[in-house]
Protein backbone atom coordinates (compact mmCIF):
# COMPACT_ATOMS: atom_id res chain seq x y z
CA MET A 1 8.31 -15.35 21.85
CA SER A 2 5.67 -17.02 24.18
CA ASP A 3 2.06 -17.73 23.11
CA ASN A 4 0.57 -15.23 25.37
CA GLU A 5 2.43 -12.31 24.24
CA PRO A 6 0.64 -9.99 21.79
CA GLN A 7 1.72 -10.10 18.13
CA VAL A 8 2.50 -6.82 16.26
CA PRO A 9 1.47 -7.06 12.76
CA LEU A 10 3.97 -6.38 10.06
CA PRO A 11 3.34 -3.89 7.25
CA SER A 12 3.27 -5.46 3.56
CA LEU A 13 6.59 -4.98 2.02
CA ASP A 14 4.85 -5.22 -1.42
CA ILE A 15 4.64 -1.43 -2.04
CA ASP A 16 8.13 -1.36 -3.13
CA GLN A 17 8.13 0.33 -6.49
CA GLY A 18 11.84 -0.08 -7.31
CA ASN A 19 11.32 -4.18 -7.16
CA PRO A 20 10.05 -5.18 -10.81
CA THR A 21 8.20 -8.11 -8.99
CA ALA A 22 6.19 -6.03 -6.79
CA PRO A 23 2.59 -5.50 -7.78
CA GLU A 24 1.67 -2.09 -9.36
CA SER A 25 0.20 0.45 -6.88
CA SER A 26 -2.65 2.63 -7.75
CA ASP A 27 -2.22 6.27 -8.47
CA ALA A 28 -4.43 7.01 -5.21
CA GLU A 29 -2.03 5.11 -3.15
CA THR A 30 1.06 6.86 -4.49
CA GLU A 31 -0.87 10.27 -4.02
CA ASN A 32 -1.43 9.51 -0.49
CA ARG A 33 2.37 8.70 0.50
CA THR A 34 4.10 11.27 2.27
CA ALA A 35 7.24 11.76 4.21
CA ALA A 36 5.27 10.86 7.35
CA ASP A 37 4.98 7.40 6.18
CA LEU A 38 8.75 6.86 6.82
CA GLU A 39 8.72 8.59 10.35
CA ALA A 40 9.98 5.48 11.81
CA MET A 41 13.18 5.48 9.98
CA PHE A 42 13.90 9.21 11.06
CA ASP A 43 15.90 8.13 14.06
CA VAL A 44 17.96 5.54 12.35
CA PRO A 45 21.60 6.77 12.61
CA VAL A 46 23.80 6.51 9.51
CA GLN A 47 27.32 7.41 8.93
CA VAL A 48 28.06 10.26 6.24
CA SER A 49 31.36 10.61 4.61
CA ALA A 50 32.69 13.31 2.23
CA VAL A 51 35.70 11.99 0.54
CA LEU A 52 38.00 14.56 -0.85
CA GLY A 53 40.17 11.89 -2.67
CA ARG A 54 42.37 8.94 -2.40
CA SER A 55 45.91 7.84 -2.36
CA ARG A 56 47.82 4.40 -2.27
CA MET A 57 51.12 4.19 -0.69
CA ASP A 58 53.34 1.40 1.07
CA VAL A 59 53.60 1.31 4.72
CA GLY A 60 56.99 2.43 4.68
CA GLN A 61 55.93 5.64 2.92
CA LEU A 62 53.06 6.19 5.43
CA LEU A 63 55.37 5.79 8.34
CA LYS A 64 57.58 8.73 7.07
CA LEU A 65 54.84 11.14 6.71
CA GLY A 66 55.28 13.96 9.55
CA PRO A 67 53.65 17.05 10.21
CA GLY A 68 53.54 19.55 7.02
CA ALA A 69 53.79 16.40 4.72
CA ILE A 70 51.69 16.80 1.57
CA LEU A 71 49.72 13.87 0.55
CA GLU A 72 48.98 14.06 -3.26
CA LEU A 73 45.39 12.77 -3.84
CA ASP A 74 43.78 11.32 -7.09
CA ARG A 75 41.44 14.46 -7.49
CA LYS A 76 41.87 17.72 -9.07
CA VAL A 77 41.13 21.16 -7.64
CA GLY A 78 37.41 22.00 -8.31
CA GLU A 79 36.70 18.41 -9.17
CA ALA A 80 33.55 17.02 -7.36
CA ILE A 81 33.99 15.12 -4.12
CA ASP A 82 32.30 11.74 -3.33
CA ILE A 83 29.52 11.66 -0.48
CA TYR A 84 28.92 8.31 0.92
CA VAL A 85 26.37 7.18 3.37
CA ASN A 86 27.15 3.56 5.23
CA ASP A 87 29.87 3.34 2.70
CA ARG A 88 27.65 3.51 -0.36
CA LEU A 89 28.30 6.21 -2.88
CA VAL A 90 24.99 8.35 -2.77
CA ALA A 91 26.17 11.69 -4.21
CA ARG A 92 28.69 14.09 -5.34
CA GLY A 93 29.19 17.61 -4.37
CA GLU A 94 31.57 20.61 -3.70
CA VAL A 95 33.19 21.86 -0.55
CA VAL A 96 31.80 24.94 0.86
CA LEU A 97 32.68 27.37 3.74
CA VAL A 98 29.90 28.00 6.23
CA GLU A 99 30.42 30.29 9.13
CA GLU A 100 34.19 29.02 9.39
CA LYS A 101 33.35 25.43 9.11
CA LEU A 102 33.61 23.23 6.00
CA GLY A 103 30.51 21.70 4.64
CA VAL A 104 29.46 20.05 1.34
CA THR A 105 26.83 21.09 -1.29
CA MET A 106 25.33 18.13 -3.19
CA THR A 107 25.53 18.67 -7.13
CA GLU A 108 24.51 15.35 -8.16
CA ILE A 109 22.64 12.49 -6.57
CA ILE A 110 23.77 9.08 -7.62
CA LYS A 111 21.16 6.26 -8.30
CA ALA A 112 22.68 3.05 -7.73
CA ASP A 113 21.15 -0.16 -9.35
CA ARG A 114 19.94 -2.64 -6.84
CA GLY A 115 20.38 -6.27 -7.75
């Protein structure tokens, strides 16, 4: 960056309430925050995955699979599926049918401990 380019001030990151070392914010500050404060984040792409279950097998077994093969998963019928965002577990849910397409209804939000 050259000396004659304008510098854009960066917002303070001290507002993070999840950080125990961050200064406490006032009630007025908290009340004034809205989803619009995060508007810059709305266009950030993320990868969302719904995992029905998992299975482990040797490469030899995998190569023997063909059309019509049944792959046994580690979940039972009716058990919640895992929902990942960018490879991080964020929720659990149920598979639903919406206009002839599969979807997921979130039934539980997973709060991960940061640290």
